[in-house]
């Protein structure tokens, strides 16, 4: 009989942390799950450490050639048998009641497709997240690439993914989870978050998400596509101008000019004229995001002199 939950835990050279991550899933108060540890060509004995833990709910897949995060997650999705699929990272720690709370939420709310949760950081940085709860707010916050769905806290319905043929995009070395959730939104998904930290998110120098340059480049490309969706009346040049509001520097480096500011402000003004939700997103939250970015962009131009 298939388990109700398949937990996907990709790992690459995280032998120092993986036992703690795996142990936190094996210690869940909810027990009807399989844990798929997806070793993506590790050379430090990561998979051996997991195998030595010897739990029947553990399934270790060793990929001899590194596929990258999106690729190995797609392998895991193909192997998953559960009704629900959970994400977990190999250097984080799940709260004992994480799966119990999220499964209960999806069981009681059949309209919800994806359930995330708050998290708390530890290691190189500390602090707590503040994820949105309302579906309309989460969808608008995809534009900000913040406070929407924290990837390693997510639980989603596998039948939705299979029906709509959604997969992680392997073109993105980092930032692929944002594109993944946006594809969910485009297919009609409903999102929510549990307002409780259900994950301890480890910050350390070798974490993939610390690849700031690669992530920023990927998010810029993803955001341009999202802007075109949210604001279908904009031209391609206006979409680019609006995307520049969110970039720390122009693609390829350098500094933004005063003319870039004028183009961005004009695009933002035109964008806000579109008031009808496209995917059920909050247009007022979108307006707040754009207004805040215009202000920050203006301040950046002034600092440049």
Protein backbone atom coordinates (compact mmCIF):
# COMPACT_ATOMS: atom_id res chain seq x y z
CA UNK A 1 0.00 0.00 0.00
CA UNK A 2 1.39 3.40 -1.00
CA UNK A 3 2.21 5.90 1.76
CA UNK A 4 0.13 9.05 1.96
CA UNK A 5 3.17 11.35 1.88
CA UNK A 6 6.36 11.20 -0.16
CA UNK A 7 9.11 13.42 1.25
CA UNK A 8 11.69 14.51 -1.34
CA UNK A 9 15.08 15.26 0.23
CA UNK A 10 17.74 16.15 -2.37
CA UNK A 11 21.32 15.99 -1.12
CA UNK A 12 24.71 16.90 -2.50
CA UNK A 13 27.81 16.70 -0.29
CA UNK A 14 25.94 17.42 2.94
CA UNK A 15 27.34 14.57 5.03
CA UNK A 16 27.89 17.01 7.90
CA UNK A 17 24.16 17.77 8.17
CA UNK A 18 22.14 15.07 6.43
CA UNK A 19 21.68 12.74 9.41
CA UNK A 20 20.09 15.53 11.43
CA UNK A 21 17.77 16.43 8.54
CA UNK A 22 16.76 12.82 7.90
CA UNK A 23 16.36 12.19 11.62
CA UNK A 24 13.93 15.09 11.94
CA UNK A 25 11.66 13.50 9.31
CA UNK A 26 11.92 10.02 10.81
CA UNK A 27 10.89 11.54 14.16
CA UNK A 28 7.64 13.03 12.80
CA UNK A 29 4.50 12.49 14.86
CA UNK A 30 2.78 11.62 11.57
CA UNK A 31 4.08 8.28 10.36
CA UNK A 32 2.47 7.41 7.02
CA UNK A 33 5.27 8.56 4.72
CA UNK A 34 8.20 7.49 2.60
CA UNK A 35 11.42 9.50 2.69
CA UNK A 36 13.18 9.63 -0.68
CA UNK A 37 16.77 10.75 -0.18
CA UNK A 38 18.01 11.85 -3.60
CA UNK A 39 21.81 11.82 -3.62
CA UNK A 40 22.98 13.93 -6.55
CA UNK A 41 26.49 12.63 -7.14
CA UNK A 42 27.87 13.30 -3.66
CA UNK A 43 31.54 12.51 -3.07
CA UNK A 44 31.61 12.87 0.73
CA UNK A 45 29.67 9.76 1.79
CA UNK A 46 26.31 11.50 2.17
CA UNK A 47 24.30 8.49 0.95
CA UNK A 48 26.28 6.03 3.10
CA UNK A 49 25.46 8.01 6.22
CA UNK A 50 21.76 7.88 5.39
CA UNK A 51 21.81 4.15 4.58
CA UNK A 52 23.47 3.47 7.93
CA UNK A 53 20.40 4.90 9.68
CA UNK A 54 18.52 1.75 8.63
CA UNK A 55 14.85 2.78 8.64
CA UNK A 56 12.29 0.97 6.46
CA UNK A 57 10.71 4.29 5.44
CA UNK A 58 14.00 5.41 3.91
CA UNK A 59 14.62 5.01 0.19
CA UNK A 60 17.99 6.22 -1.09
CA UNK A 61 18.47 7.00 -4.77
CA UNK A 62 22.06 7.53 -5.88
CA UNK A 63 22.58 9.48 -9.07
CA UNK A 64 26.17 8.99 -10.31
CA UNK A 65 26.13 12.08 -12.54
CA UNK A 66 25.10 15.35 -10.93
CA UNK A 67 21.80 16.63 -12.35
CA UNK A 68 21.45 19.77 -10.24
CA UNK A 69 18.64 20.55 -7.81
CA UNK A 70 15.81 20.80 -10.34
CA UNK A 71 16.88 17.64 -12.16
CA UNK A 72 17.20 15.49 -9.06
CA UNK A 73 13.87 16.76 -7.72
CA UNK A 74 12.21 15.68 -10.96
CA UNK A 75 13.71 12.22 -10.45
CA UNK A 76 12.22 12.18 -6.96
CA UNK A 77 8.83 13.27 -8.23
CA UNK A 78 8.84 10.37 -10.71
CA UNK A 79 9.66 7.95 -7.86
CA UNK A 80 7.09 9.36 -5.41
CA UNK A 81 4.04 7.24 -4.63
CA UNK A 82 2.27 9.38 -2.04
CA UNK A 83 -0.96 11.34 -2.38
CA UNK A 84 0.96 14.34 -1.05
CA UNK A 85 4.55 15.38 -1.79
CA UNK A 86 6.66 17.25 0.77
CA UNK A 87 9.94 19.10 0.18
CA UNK A 88 12.81 18.93 2.61
CA UNK A 89 16.43 20.02 2.33
CA UNK A 90 19.38 17.97 3.54
CA UNK A 91 20.75 20.65 5.86
CA UNK A 92 17.52 21.76 7.57
CA UNK A 93 15.53 20.42 10.53
CA UNK A 94 11.78 19.78 10.45
CA UNK A 95 9.59 20.38 13.50
CA UNK A 96 8.16 17.09 14.87
CA UNK A 97 4.58 18.08 14.00
CA UNK A 98 5.32 19.46 10.54
CA UNK A 99 3.73 16.68 8.48
CA UNK A 100 0.85 16.18 10.91
CA UNK A 101 -0.22 19.82 10.70
CA UNK A 102 0.18 20.15 6.94
CA UNK A 103 -1.54 16.85 6.10
CA UNK A 104 -4.44 17.81 8.38
CA UNK A 105 -4.76 21.13 6.57
CA UNK A 106 -4.84 19.60 3.08
CA UNK A 107 -7.23 16.89 4.27
CA UNK A 108 -9.65 19.47 5.68
CA UNK A 109 -9.36 21.95 2.81
CA UNK A 110 -9.66 20.13 -0.53
CA UNK A 111 -9.51 23.42 -2.44
CA UNK A 112 -5.91 24.03 -1.29
CA UNK A 113 -3.19 22.68 -3.58
CA UNK A 114 0.00 23.82 -1.82
CA UNK A 115 0.63 24.31 1.90
CA UNK A 116 3.82 25.91 3.18
CA UNK A 117 4.76 27.19 6.63
CA UNK A 118 6.83 29.72 8.47
CA UNK A 119 10.45 28.92 9.30
CA UNK A 120 13.20 30.06 11.61
CA UNK A 121 16.81 30.51 10.56
CA UNK A 122 19.86 29.30 12.47
CA UNK A 123 23.57 29.01 11.83
CA UNK A 124 25.24 31.95 10.06
CA UNK A 125 22.06 34.02 10.42
CA UNK A 126 19.09 33.92 12.75
CA UNK A 127 15.54 35.19 12.59
CA UNK A 128 12.02 34.14 11.69
CA UNK A 129 10.01 34.35 8.49
CA UNK A 130 6.61 35.93 7.98
CA UNK A 131 4.91 34.00 5.18
CA UNK A 132 1.56 35.22 3.87
CA UNK A 133 -1.52 33.08 4.49
CA UNK A 134 -4.15 34.25 1.99
CA UNK A 135 -3.96 32.74 -1.48
CA UNK A 136 -4.37 36.15 -3.14
CA UNK A 137 -1.48 37.62 -1.15
CA UNK A 138 0.85 34.67 -1.79
CA UNK A 139 0.26 34.94 -5.54
CA UNK A 140 1.00 38.67 -5.56
CA UNK A 141 4.15 38.08 -3.50
CA UNK A 142 5.61 35.86 -6.21
CA UNK A 143 6.47 39.18 -7.87
CA UNK A 144 8.52 40.12 -4.81
CA UNK A 145 10.04 36.61 -4.67
CA UNK A 146 9.58 36.71 -0.90
CA UNK A 147 7.10 35.63 1.80
CA UNK A 148 5.17 33.35 -0.58
CA UNK A 149 6.07 29.64 -0.26
CA UNK A 150 9.30 28.67 1.48
CA UNK A 151 10.34 25.74 -0.68
CA UNK A 152 11.57 23.32 1.98
CA UNK A 153 8.35 23.78 4.00
CA UNK A 154 6.01 22.86 1.16
CA UNK A 155 3.47 20.04 0.89
CA UNK A 156 1.45 19.70 -2.32
CA UNK A 157 -0.98 17.38 -4.07
CA UNK A 158 0.78 14.96 -6.40
CA UNK A 159 -2.28 14.46 -8.64
CA UNK A 160 -2.27 18.20 -9.45
CA UNK A 161 1.35 18.02 -10.62
CA UNK A 162 0.68 14.96 -12.73
CA UNK A 163 -2.51 16.35 -14.26
CA UNK A 164 -0.85 19.61 -15.30
CA UNK A 165 2.57 18.07 -16.08
CA UNK A 166 4.40 20.51 -13.83
CA UNK A 167 8.09 19.87 -13.25
CA UNK A 168 11.08 21.80 -11.92
CA UNK A 169 12.72 23.69 -14.78
CA UNK A 170 16.28 22.43 -15.21
CA UNK A 171 17.28 25.61 -17.01
CA UNK A 172 17.56 27.25 -13.57
CA UNK A 173 20.56 26.21 -11.47
CA UNK A 174 18.99 28.21 -8.62
CA UNK A 175 15.67 29.99 -8.40
CA UNK A 176 13.87 27.00 -9.91
CA UNK A 177 11.44 26.66 -7.02
CA UNK A 178 10.01 30.12 -7.72
CA UNK A 179 9.34 29.10 -11.33
CA UNK A 180 7.81 25.84 -10.04
CA UNK A 181 5.28 27.65 -7.85
CA UNK A 182 4.45 30.15 -10.57
CA UNK A 183 3.65 27.22 -12.87
CA UNK A 184 1.30 25.95 -10.15
CA UNK A 185 -0.41 29.34 -10.07
CA UNK A 186 -0.77 29.40 -13.85
CA UNK A 187 -2.46 25.99 -13.66
CA UNK A 188 -5.03 27.23 -11.11
CA UNK A 189 -3.47 26.18 -7.79
CA UNK A 190 -4.58 27.54 -4.42
CA UNK A 191 -1.90 28.31 -1.81
CA UNK A 192 -1.75 28.80 1.94
CA UNK A 193 0.78 28.69 4.78
CA UNK A 194 0.67 27.38 8.33
CA UNK A 195 1.44 30.31 10.63
CA UNK A 196 3.89 28.38 12.75
CA UNK A 197 7.61 27.72 12.18
CA UNK A 198 7.67 24.11 10.98
CA UNK A 199 11.26 24.18 9.76
CA UNK A 200 14.63 25.29 11.08
CA UNK A 201 16.46 26.66 8.04
CA UNK A 202 20.23 26.35 8.32
CA UNK A 203 22.33 29.22 6.94
CA UNK A 204 25.89 28.21 6.09
CA UNK A 205 28.50 29.20 3.47
CA UNK A 206 28.03 26.19 1.17
CA UNK A 207 24.23 26.41 0.86
CA UNK A 208 23.02 26.56 -2.76
CA UNK A 209 20.77 29.53 -2.03
CA UNK A 210 23.88 31.55 -1.15
CA UNK A 211 24.75 31.66 -4.88
CA UNK A 212 23.54 35.25 -4.97
CA UNK A 213 24.58 36.11 -8.53
CA UNK A 214 23.08 32.99 -10.09
CA UNK A 215 19.87 33.31 -8.10
CA UNK A 216 19.44 36.99 -8.99
CA UNK A 217 19.89 36.25 -12.69
CA UNK A 218 17.36 33.42 -12.60
CA UNK A 219 14.83 35.45 -10.63
CA UNK A 220 15.18 38.34 -13.10
CA UNK A 221 14.23 36.05 -15.99
CA UNK A 222 11.41 34.41 -14.06
CA UNK A 223 10.07 37.78 -12.94
CA UNK A 224 9.94 39.12 -16.50
CA UNK A 225 7.64 36.26 -17.46
CA UNK A 226 5.49 36.86 -14.40
CA UNK A 227 5.20 40.60 -15.11
CA UNK A 228 4.01 39.80 -18.63
CA UNK A 229 1.32 37.57 -17.07
CA UNK A 230 0.21 40.01 -14.37
CA UNK A 231 0.21 42.99 -16.75
CA UNK A 232 -0.85 41.70 -20.18
CA UNK A 233 -1.31 45.23 -21.55
CA UNK A 234 2.40 46.10 -21.26
CA UNK A 235 4.77 45.98 -24.22
CA UNK A 236 7.92 43.87 -24.00
CA UNK A 237 10.01 47.01 -23.47
CA UNK A 238 7.71 48.07 -20.62
CA UNK A 239 7.94 44.59 -19.09
CA UNK A 240 11.74 44.89 -19.12
CA UNK A 241 11.60 48.38 -17.61
CA UNK A 242 9.35 47.12 -14.81
CA UNK A 243 11.60 44.11 -14.20
CA UNK A 244 14.52 46.52 -13.80
CA UNK A 245 12.75 48.02 -10.78
CA UNK A 246 13.49 44.79 -8.92
CA UNK A 247 17.09 44.37 -10.07
CA UNK A 248 20.03 45.59 -8.03
CA UNK A 249 21.87 46.39 -11.26
CA UNK A 250 21.18 46.12 -15.00
CA UNK A 251 21.67 42.71 -16.63
CA UNK A 252 25.38 42.52 -17.42
CA UNK A 253 26.37 44.94 -14.63
CA UNK A 254 26.84 48.67 -14.45
CA UNK A 255 24.45 51.28 -13.10
CA UNK A 256 20.96 52.39 -13.99
CA UNK A 257 20.55 55.80 -15.64
CA UNK A 258 18.04 58.57 -15.05
CA UNK A 259 16.36 57.61 -18.32
CA UNK A 260 15.98 54.06 -16.95
CA UNK A 261 14.21 55.53 -13.94
CA UNK A 262 11.82 57.45 -16.18
CA UNK A 263 11.07 54.33 -18.22
CA UNK A 264 10.50 52.25 -15.08
CA UNK A 265 8.20 54.81 -13.47
CA UNK A 266 6.19 55.13 -16.70
CA UNK A 267 5.88 51.33 -16.93
CA UNK A 268 4.84 51.11 -13.27
CA UNK A 269 2.20 53.80 -13.74
CA UNK A 270 0.76 51.99 -16.76
CA UNK A 271 0.95 48.61 -15.01
CA UNK A 272 -1.26 49.77 -12.14
CA UNK A 273 -4.05 50.59 -14.58
CA UNK A 274 -4.69 46.86 -14.94
CA UNK A 275 -6.98 46.12 -11.97
CA UNK A 276 -8.51 42.74 -12.86
CA UNK A 277 -6.88 39.71 -11.18
CA UNK A 278 -5.33 37.28 -13.65
CA UNK A 279 -4.77 34.29 -11.32
CA UNK A 280 -6.71 35.45 -8.25
CA UNK A 281 -3.82 37.59 -7.00
CA UNK A 282 -4.34 40.69 -4.85
CA UNK A 283 -3.98 43.71 -7.11
CA UNK A 284 -3.66 45.99 -4.08
CA UNK A 285 -0.67 43.98 -2.83
CA UNK A 286 0.84 44.12 -6.32
CA UNK A 287 0.42 47.91 -6.31
CA UNK A 288 2.16 48.14 -2.92
CA UNK A 289 5.05 46.02 -4.19
CA UNK A 290 5.46 48.14 -7.32
CA UNK A 291 5.17 51.43 -5.39
CA UNK A 292 7.84 50.30 -2.91
CA UNK A 293 10.16 49.31 -5.74
CA UNK A 294 9.69 52.65 -7.51
CA UNK A 295 10.70 54.41 -4.30
CA UNK A 296 13.76 52.20 -3.81
CA UNK A 297 14.74 52.64 -7.46
CA UNK A 298 14.51 56.43 -7.12
CA UNK A 299 16.68 56.33 -4.00
CA UNK A 300 19.27 54.17 -5.80
CA UNK A 301 19.46 56.64 -8.69
CA UNK A 302 19.94 59.53 -6.24
CA UNK A 303 22.76 57.67 -4.47
CA UNK A 304 24.49 57.21 -7.82
CA UNK A 305 24.44 60.99 -8.21
